[in-house]
Amino acid sequence: MKQCHATVEDNRFFQGLQSLSSNSSSTVTFNPNEGLAEVILTVQLPQPSGAGGVGLALPLGWGYNLLRRIGYRYGSSQLYYITGAQNLIQSLSLCEDSGKKQQILFLGGQAMTSVADWADPVKRTAYVYLRLPHSSPALSGGALPFPTDVLTAPVQLQIDLQDFTQVISALAGSDPVPSSLSSGSVNFTQVTMQDAGDLIARRFDMSKHALTIPLVEGWTQEAVSFPFTAGASGDFSLSLTGCKAGDLKKLRVWFTAPADTSGTVKNAIYYPPSSIRFAINGLIYLDSQSGSYLLTNVLRRRVPPSVTASYLAAPAPPAFTATPVASTWVEIDLATPYTIGNSCEVALLHGVPVMNSVLNLTGNMPVANQAYVCNVEYVLNCSWMASRGSAEFVF
């Protein structure tokens, strides 16, 4: 087997965030020469003032929690958004093995529970993978670089930081919560042709032609949240809204508890339902009693939709403990999974056509009479269409 077109890869371009402050927004502009591959965000927190971090803590993967929202624009396309939680869950879902999935979370920020941890610059640094539509963390069955030579405008990313007080645990009498990052930068991998004559834009007049670029998974709109309180038996019933018209391939659903972020100790854990049922216009597509979806989710993908996170607690203030705990989301498949090992080949999978459809989600949560938030991500069949210097989604 021989490479069709000889290429060279480099990872040498960095751009700093315009604003490092808590709850701020930065726009990063990329001008890649040809192929845009992985994009990584590196952030570092300063050691807190005062005693150096007394009464402060962060869970595993805190770098992803610092992201409130990510926006992206390719050329002169619309500006699309995904939440920070979506970025994490998509990155973990597309990994080809559990070891890589766990390592991505670990590199996203080690748990910090003591002054010694806060004094370590390695633990105060997080490396966050930005899961853009063209990219995938998987090497086997991964993604091809996006051919930016067909664009006449740069690729833009908007990175919105979370309010740090909503992420960092701070006990009564603790040191001040850092109000900004000490550093933050974005770097991207670029793939170039050894022979520029092989470029699409050199071989075709893109003002008269259009290039269809398949996506790794599909198009995902910004997640929609549905707060609810579980009933006396843990039951819930939700009408899901906000789904764009098109072929719905799957839904990703994760449940969070407001109690995890309302107190002085902050956690970001996803709680699996005890049972779940999903229907479109009254037709049931998933009916999982006693959690049978857990096995179904394992059989339908490379790795299960779960990761070992850390749960912070302060049993003896100002000391913290970080206990390993499973953080699990639900993937409701409506299209046949398609994957070829050691290949970057993808396919357009149709799923269920939805347009003004009624989507219902019911089930039971493990704890009765407790407040939860159901977060839903809709994944639709889609591809990029590049022409006249820009790119847009085509459904």
Protein backbone atom coordinates (compact mmCIF):
# COMPACT_ATOMS: atom_id res chain seq x y z
CA MET A 1 0.00 0.00 0.00
CA LYS A 2 1.30 3.44 -0.93
CA GLN A 3 0.20 6.92 0.02
CA CYS A 4 -1.78 8.45 -2.85
CA HIS A 5 -0.53 12.01 -2.32
CA ALA A 6 2.71 12.69 -0.43
CA THR A 7 2.10 14.97 2.56
CA VAL A 8 4.05 16.62 5.37
CA GLU A 9 2.62 17.24 8.84
CA ASP A 10 3.66 19.94 11.30
CA ASN A 11 2.44 21.21 14.63
CA ARG A 12 4.16 24.54 15.16
CA PHE A 13 1.54 27.29 15.11
CA PHE A 14 0.33 28.79 18.39
CA GLN A 15 -2.02 31.65 19.12
CA GLY A 16 -2.73 33.06 22.55
CA LEU A 17 -6.20 33.70 23.92
CA GLN A 18 -7.18 37.36 23.79
CA SER A 19 -8.73 37.26 27.25
CA LEU A 20 -7.69 35.03 30.14
CA SER A 21 -10.30 36.29 32.60
CA SER A 22 -13.05 34.21 34.10
CA ASN A 23 -16.33 34.33 32.15
CA SER A 24 -14.63 35.95 29.12
CA SER A 25 -14.60 35.24 25.38
CA SER A 26 -11.74 35.02 22.86
CA THR A 27 -11.74 34.68 19.09
CA VAL A 28 -8.89 32.73 17.51
CA THR A 29 -8.26 33.00 13.77
CA PHE A 30 -6.42 30.25 11.91
CA ASN A 31 -4.87 30.67 8.50
CA PRO A 32 -3.72 27.13 7.78
CA ASN A 33 -1.88 26.70 4.52
CA GLU A 34 -3.70 23.58 3.36
CA GLY A 35 -5.05 20.83 5.64
CA LEU A 36 -6.39 21.60 9.12
CA ALA A 37 -6.18 18.62 11.48
CA GLU A 38 -6.21 18.57 15.32
CA VAL A 39 -6.79 21.71 17.37
CA ILE A 40 -5.68 21.76 21.03
CA LEU A 41 -6.24 24.32 23.77
CA THR A 42 -3.63 24.61 26.54
CA VAL A 43 -4.58 26.48 29.72
CA GLN A 44 -2.78 27.03 33.00
CA LEU A 45 -4.16 28.36 36.26
CA PRO A 46 -2.03 30.48 38.61
CA GLN A 47 -1.29 29.30 42.13
CA PRO A 48 -3.91 31.02 44.31
CA SER A 49 -2.87 33.93 46.47
CA GLY A 50 -2.96 33.70 50.24
CA ALA A 51 -1.70 30.33 51.51
CA GLY A 52 -1.38 28.89 48.01
CA GLY A 53 -4.70 27.08 47.60
CA VAL A 54 -6.07 26.25 51.05
CA GLY A 55 -9.71 25.18 50.78
CA LEU A 56 -9.66 25.05 46.96
CA ALA A 57 -10.01 21.98 44.74
CA LEU A 58 -10.64 20.87 41.16
CA PRO A 59 -11.79 17.47 39.84
CA LEU A 60 -10.21 15.37 37.13
CA GLY A 61 -10.62 16.89 33.66
CA TRP A 62 -11.19 20.42 34.99
CA GLY A 63 -9.85 21.99 31.78
CA TYR A 64 -12.97 20.86 29.93
CA ASN A 65 -15.15 22.26 32.73
CA LEU A 66 -13.58 25.70 32.23
CA LEU A 67 -15.10 25.86 28.73
CA ARG A 68 -18.63 27.23 28.69
CA ARG A 69 -19.03 27.20 24.93
CA ILE A 70 -17.07 26.80 21.69
CA GLY A 71 -18.02 28.53 18.44
CA TYR A 72 -16.60 27.77 15.00
CA ARG A 73 -16.81 29.33 11.54
CA TYR A 74 -15.19 27.91 8.40
CA GLY A 75 -14.56 30.65 5.85
CA SER A 76 -17.68 32.83 5.71
CA SER A 77 -20.03 30.15 7.05
CA GLN A 78 -22.45 30.71 9.90
CA LEU A 79 -21.12 30.67 13.45
CA TYR A 80 -22.06 27.37 15.12
CA TYR A 81 -21.77 26.48 18.80
CA ILE A 82 -21.34 23.49 21.07
CA THR A 83 -21.15 23.54 24.87
CA GLY A 84 -18.08 22.61 26.87
CA ALA A 85 -19.77 19.41 28.05
CA GLN A 86 -20.53 18.48 24.42
CA ASN A 87 -16.89 18.98 23.52
CA LEU A 88 -15.82 16.56 26.26
CA ILE A 89 -18.46 13.91 25.58
CA GLN A 90 -17.87 13.94 21.81
CA SER A 91 -14.11 13.65 22.34
CA LEU A 92 -14.53 10.67 24.66
CA SER A 93 -17.18 8.99 22.49
CA LEU A 94 -14.99 8.94 19.38
CA CYS A 95 -11.94 7.36 21.06
CA GLU A 96 -11.12 3.89 19.76
CA ASP A 97 -10.25 2.39 23.16
CA SER A 98 -10.91 3.01 26.85
CA GLY A 99 -7.26 3.71 27.66
CA LYS A 100 -7.13 6.63 25.24
CA LYS A 101 -10.47 7.91 26.52
CA GLN A 102 -9.21 7.92 30.11
CA GLN A 103 -5.93 9.57 29.10
CA ILE A 104 -7.77 12.40 27.32
CA LEU A 105 -9.65 13.13 30.55
CA PHE A 106 -6.43 12.90 32.61
CA LEU A 107 -4.55 15.31 30.33
CA GLY A 108 -7.56 17.61 30.54
CA GLY A 109 -6.46 18.47 34.07
CA GLN A 110 -5.35 16.37 37.03
CA ALA A 111 -7.41 16.54 40.21
CA MET A 112 -6.10 19.12 42.69
CA THR A 113 -7.09 18.69 46.33
CA SER A 114 -4.21 20.21 48.34
CA VAL A 115 -1.79 23.12 48.48
CA ALA A 116 0.93 20.78 47.20
CA ASP A 117 -1.17 20.07 44.12
CA TRP A 118 -1.75 23.79 43.49
CA ALA A 119 2.00 24.40 43.81
CA ASP A 120 2.72 21.94 40.99
CA PRO A 121 2.61 23.76 37.60
CA VAL A 122 2.07 20.43 35.84
CA LYS A 123 -1.18 19.84 37.72
CA ARG A 124 -2.24 23.43 37.12
CA THR A 125 -1.95 22.86 33.35
CA ALA A 126 -4.68 21.27 31.23
CA TYR A 127 -4.62 20.15 27.59
CA VAL A 128 -8.07 20.27 26.02
CA TYR A 129 -8.95 18.65 22.70
CA LEU A 130 -11.33 20.82 20.67
CA ARG A 131 -13.69 18.48 18.81
CA LEU A 132 -14.50 20.39 15.64
CA PRO A 133 -16.80 18.92 12.95
CA HIS A 134 -13.94 17.84 10.70
CA SER A 135 -11.81 16.25 13.42
CA SER A 136 -11.72 13.14 15.58
CA PRO A 137 -9.44 11.98 18.42
CA ALA A 138 -9.42 8.48 16.89
CA LEU A 139 -6.40 7.43 14.84
CA SER A 140 -8.06 4.23 13.62
CA GLY A 141 -11.19 5.22 11.73
CA GLY A 142 -10.32 8.87 12.31
CA ALA A 143 -10.71 11.93 10.14
CA LEU A 144 -8.95 13.48 7.19
CA PRO A 145 -7.72 17.08 7.48
CA PHE A 146 -10.09 19.81 6.34
CA PRO A 147 -8.87 21.19 2.96
CA THR A 148 -8.64 24.88 3.80
CA ASP A 149 -7.21 25.63 0.36
CA VAL A 150 -10.85 25.73 -0.86
CA LEU A 151 -11.57 28.65 1.53
CA THR A 152 -10.87 32.30 0.82
CA ALA A 153 -11.45 33.33 4.45
CA PRO A 154 -9.80 31.93 7.61
CA VAL A 155 -11.17 29.46 10.13
CA GLN A 156 -12.37 31.16 13.30
CA LEU A 157 -12.88 29.73 16.77
CA GLN A 158 -14.71 31.46 19.60
CA ILE A 159 -13.75 30.17 23.04
CA ASP A 160 -16.01 31.22 25.91
CA LEU A 161 -14.66 30.56 29.40
CA GLN A 162 -16.89 29.54 32.28
CA ASP A 163 -17.25 31.51 35.50
CA PHE A 164 -14.38 29.99 37.50
CA THR A 165 -16.37 30.16 40.74
CA GLN A 166 -18.80 27.65 39.16
CA VAL A 167 -15.93 25.19 38.52
CA ILE A 168 -13.46 25.57 41.40
CA SER A 169 -14.56 24.23 44.79
CA ALA A 170 -14.03 26.83 47.52
CA LEU A 171 -14.81 26.08 51.17
CA ALA A 172 -15.62 28.73 53.76
CA GLY A 173 -12.47 30.66 54.66
CA SER A 174 -10.57 29.37 51.63
CA ASP A 175 -8.00 31.29 49.64
CA PRO A 176 -9.43 33.47 46.83
CA VAL A 177 -10.54 31.63 43.69
CA PRO A 178 -8.29 32.61 40.74
CA SER A 179 -10.07 35.17 38.56
CA SER A 180 -8.08 34.46 35.40
CA LEU A 181 -5.76 31.99 33.73
CA SER A 182 -2.03 32.53 33.92
CA SER A 183 -1.74 31.44 30.27
CA GLY A 184 -3.90 30.12 27.46
CA SER A 185 -3.07 29.24 23.86
CA VAL A 186 -4.40 27.27 20.92
CA ASN A 187 -2.28 25.31 18.48
CA PHE A 188 -3.23 23.29 15.42
CA THR A 189 -1.77 20.53 13.29
CA GLN A 190 -1.31 21.37 9.63
CA VAL A 191 -0.98 18.88 6.77
CA THR A 192 0.50 20.09 3.48
CA MET A 193 0.97 18.46 0.09
CA GLN A 194 4.52 17.99 -1.14
CA ASP A 195 3.19 18.79 -4.60
CA ALA A 196 0.89 21.81 -4.43
CA GLY A 197 -0.51 20.82 -7.80
CA ASP A 198 -2.45 18.06 -6.01
CA LEU A 199 -4.57 20.59 -4.11
CA ILE A 200 -8.27 20.67 -4.90
CA ALA A 201 -8.22 24.43 -5.43
CA ARG A 202 -5.41 24.05 -7.98
CA ARG A 203 -7.15 21.34 -9.97
CA PHE A 204 -10.67 22.77 -9.99
CA ASP A 205 -12.20 26.22 -10.27
CA MET A 206 -14.03 26.30 -6.94
CA SER A 207 -16.12 29.26 -8.07
CA LYS A 208 -17.83 26.85 -10.48
CA HIS A 209 -17.46 23.56 -8.62
CA ALA A 210 -18.50 22.31 -5.18
CA LEU A 211 -16.67 19.85 -2.95
CA THR A 212 -18.63 17.56 -0.62
CA ILE A 213 -16.68 16.80 2.55
CA PRO A 214 -18.14 14.02 4.73
CA LEU A 215 -18.14 14.55 8.48
CA VAL A 216 -16.71 12.07 10.97
CA GLU A 217 -20.01 11.63 12.78
CA GLY A 218 -22.60 14.16 11.69
CA TRP A 219 -23.75 17.64 12.60
CA THR A 220 -24.43 18.39 16.24
CA GLN A 221 -26.26 21.51 17.31
CA GLU A 222 -25.77 23.15 20.68
CA ALA A 223 -27.13 20.92 23.43
CA VAL A 224 -30.58 21.65 24.85
CA SER A 225 -31.19 21.40 28.61
CA PHE A 226 -34.40 20.22 30.28
CA PRO A 227 -34.54 20.70 34.09
CA PHE A 228 -36.87 18.40 36.02
CA THR A 229 -37.45 16.84 39.42
CA ALA A 230 -37.70 13.06 39.60
CA GLY A 231 -40.97 11.72 40.98
CA ALA A 232 -41.59 9.69 44.11
CA SER A 233 -40.37 6.56 42.30
CA GLY A 234 -37.64 8.40 40.38
CA ASP A 235 -39.80 8.68 37.27
CA PHE A 236 -39.60 11.51 34.73
CA SER A 237 -41.30 12.45 31.45
CA LEU A 238 -39.89 15.06 29.06
CA SER A 239 -40.93 16.52 25.72
CA LEU A 240 -37.70 17.18 23.82
CA THR A 241 -37.60 20.33 21.71
CA GLY A 242 -35.07 22.22 19.61
CA CYS A 243 -34.21 19.50 17.09
CA LYS A 244 -33.45 20.77 13.59
CA ALA A 245 -35.34 19.21 10.67
CA GLY A 246 -33.35 16.45 8.96
CA ASP A 247 -32.28 12.83 9.34
CA LEU A 248 -31.76 12.23 13.05
CA LYS A 249 -28.93 9.69 13.45
CA LYS A 250 -28.65 9.60 17.23
CA LEU A 251 -29.14 11.43 20.47
CA ARG A 252 -26.61 11.82 23.23
CA VAL A 253 -28.23 12.31 26.61
CA TRP A 254 -26.51 13.07 29.90
CA PHE A 255 -28.06 13.85 33.27
CA THR A 256 -26.52 16.24 35.78
CA ALA A 257 -27.59 17.22 39.29
CA PRO A 258 -27.79 20.97 40.13
CA ALA A 259 -26.80 20.05 43.69
CA ASP A 260 -23.33 19.18 42.38
CA THR A 261 -22.63 22.81 41.49
CA SER A 262 -24.84 24.79 43.89
CA GLY A 263 -22.76 24.23 47.02
CA THR A 264 -19.18 24.99 47.96
CA VAL A 265 -17.93 21.70 46.47
CA LYS A 266 -18.27 21.55 42.67
CA ASN A 267 -18.56 18.31 40.73
CA ALA A 268 -19.33 17.48 37.10
CA ILE A 269 -20.74 13.95 37.12
CA TYR A 270 -23.15 12.40 34.62
CA TYR A 271 -25.75 10.13 36.22
CA PRO A 272 -27.16 7.15 34.28
CA PRO A 273 -30.93 6.59 34.43
CA SER A 274 -32.24 3.31 35.85
CA SER A 275 -34.47 2.91 32.80
CA ILE A 276 -35.17 4.99 29.71
CA ARG A 277 -37.64 5.10 26.81
CA PHE A 278 -37.46 7.28 23.69
CA ALA A 279 -40.26 7.82 21.15
CA ILE A 280 -40.82 9.92 18.02
CA ASN A 281 -44.45 10.77 17.23
CA GLY A 282 -45.53 8.01 19.60
CA LEU A 283 -43.38 5.32 17.95
CA ILE A 284 -40.92 3.87 20.47
CA TYR A 285 -37.33 3.57 19.23
CA LEU A 286 -35.67 2.67 22.54
CA ASP A 287 -37.23 0.92 25.52
CA SER A 288 -34.66 -0.02 28.13
CA GLN A 289 -35.87 -1.58 31.35
CA SER A 290 -33.54 -1.98 34.34
CA GLY A 291 -30.67 -0.30 32.49
CA SER A 292 -30.33 -2.77 29.60
CA TYR A 293 -29.21 0.16 27.42
CA LEU A 294 -25.84 -0.06 29.20
CA LEU A 295 -25.03 -3.30 27.37
CA THR A 296 -26.57 -2.07 24.12
CA ASN A 297 -24.31 0.97 24.22
CA VAL A 298 -21.28 -1.28 24.66
CA LEU A 299 -22.21 -3.50 21.71
CA ARG A 300 -22.87 -0.63 19.31
CA ARG A 301 -19.55 1.21 19.58
CA ARG A 302 -15.85 0.81 20.20
CA VAL A 303 -15.95 1.91 23.84
CA PRO A 304 -18.80 2.24 26.36
CA PRO A 305 -20.24 5.74 26.94
CA SER A 306 -18.70 6.01 30.38
CA VAL A 307 -15.48 7.29 31.91
CA THR A 308 -13.91 7.16 35.36
CA ALA A 309 -14.12 10.68 36.78
CA SER A 310 -13.42 11.98 40.28
CA TYR A 311 -15.97 13.04 42.88
CA LEU A 312 -14.79 15.76 45.26
CA ALA A 313 -15.80 15.83 48.92
CA ALA A 314 -14.63 17.71 52.00
CA PRO A 315 -15.23 15.39 54.98
CA ALA A 316 -12.68 17.23 57.13
CA PRO A 317 -12.35 20.85 55.89
CA PRO A 318 -10.17 22.33 54.53
CA ALA A 319 -8.97 18.94 53.26
CA PHE A 320 -10.54 17.42 50.14
CA THR A 321 -10.84 13.88 48.85
CA ALA A 322 -11.21 12.83 45.21
CA THR A 323 -12.98 9.48 44.83
CA PRO A 324 -13.05 7.64 41.47
CA VAL A 325 -16.61 7.35 40.18
CA ALA A 326 -18.21 6.37 36.88
CA SER A 327 -19.59 9.23 34.81
CA THR A 328 -22.01 7.84 32.21
CA TRP A 329 -24.07 9.23 29.34
CA VAL A 330 -26.62 7.55 27.05
CA GLU A 331 -26.32 7.17 23.27
CA ILE A 332 -29.61 6.49 21.49
CA ASP A 333 -28.76 5.16 18.02
CA LEU A 334 -31.27 5.63 15.21
CA ALA A 335 -28.91 4.69 12.35
CA THR A 336 -26.80 1.58 11.79
CA PRO A 337 -23.25 2.12 13.13
CA TYR A 338 -20.64 2.32 10.39
CA THR A 339 -16.95 1.89 11.01
CA ILE A 340 -13.96 0.49 9.18
CA GLY A 341 -10.83 -0.23 11.19
CA ASN A 342 -7.59 1.52 10.26
CA SER A 343 -9.45 3.72 7.79
CA CYS A 344 -10.59 7.32 7.48
CA GLU A 345 -13.59 6.29 5.40
CA VAL A 346 -16.97 7.62 6.48
CA ALA A 347 -20.53 7.16 5.23
CA LEU A 348 -23.72 9.19 5.25
CA LEU A 349 -26.21 7.37 7.48
CA HIS A 350 -29.79 8.48 7.20
CA GLY A 351 -31.46 7.77 10.55
CA VAL A 352 -35.06 8.90 11.17
CA PRO A 353 -36.48 11.88 9.21
CA VAL A 354 -37.77 14.49 11.67
CA MET A 355 -39.67 17.69 10.91
CA ASN A 356 -41.95 19.24 13.50
CA SER A 357 -41.86 15.82 15.17
CA VAL A 358 -42.83 15.14 18.78
CA LEU A 359 -39.90 13.65 20.70
CA ASN A 360 -40.55 12.13 24.12
CA LEU A 361 -38.09 10.84 26.70
CA THR A 362 -39.31 9.01 29.79
CA GLY A 363 -37.67 6.82 32.40
CA ASN A 364 -36.50 6.56 35.99
CA MET A 365 -33.58 8.12 37.83
CA PRO A 366 -31.73 6.32 40.64
CA VAL A 367 -32.69 8.91 43.30
CA ALA A 368 -36.33 9.91 43.83
CA ASN A 369 -37.51 13.49 44.43
CA GLN A 370 -34.19 14.95 43.32
CA ALA A 371 -33.60 17.77 40.86
CA TYR A 372 -31.79 16.85 37.65
CA VAL A 373 -31.02 18.43 34.29
CA CYS A 374 -31.40 16.34 31.14
CA ASN A 375 -28.97 17.55 28.47
CA VAL A 376 -29.69 16.40 24.91
CA GLU A 377 -27.46 16.58 21.84
CA TYR A 378 -29.05 15.87 18.46
CA VAL A 379 -26.76 14.30 15.82
CA LEU A 380 -28.04 14.71 12.26
CA ASN A 381 -26.91 13.25 8.95
CA CYS A 382 -24.89 15.98 7.27
CA SER A 383 -21.81 16.83 5.22
CA TRP A 384 -19.79 19.93 4.40
CA MET A 385 -20.30 21.62 1.04
CA ALA A 386 -17.37 23.85 0.02
CA SER A 387 -17.69 26.27 -2.88
CA ARG A 388 -16.92 29.90 -3.74
CA GLY A 389 -14.45 30.26 -0.90
CA SER A 390 -16.72 29.15 1.93
CA ALA A 391 -18.21 26.00 3.45
CA GLU A 392 -21.65 25.22 4.84
CA PHE A 393 -23.51 22.23 6.20
CA VAL A 394 -25.81 20.39 3.80
CA PHE A 395 -28.53 18.23 5.35
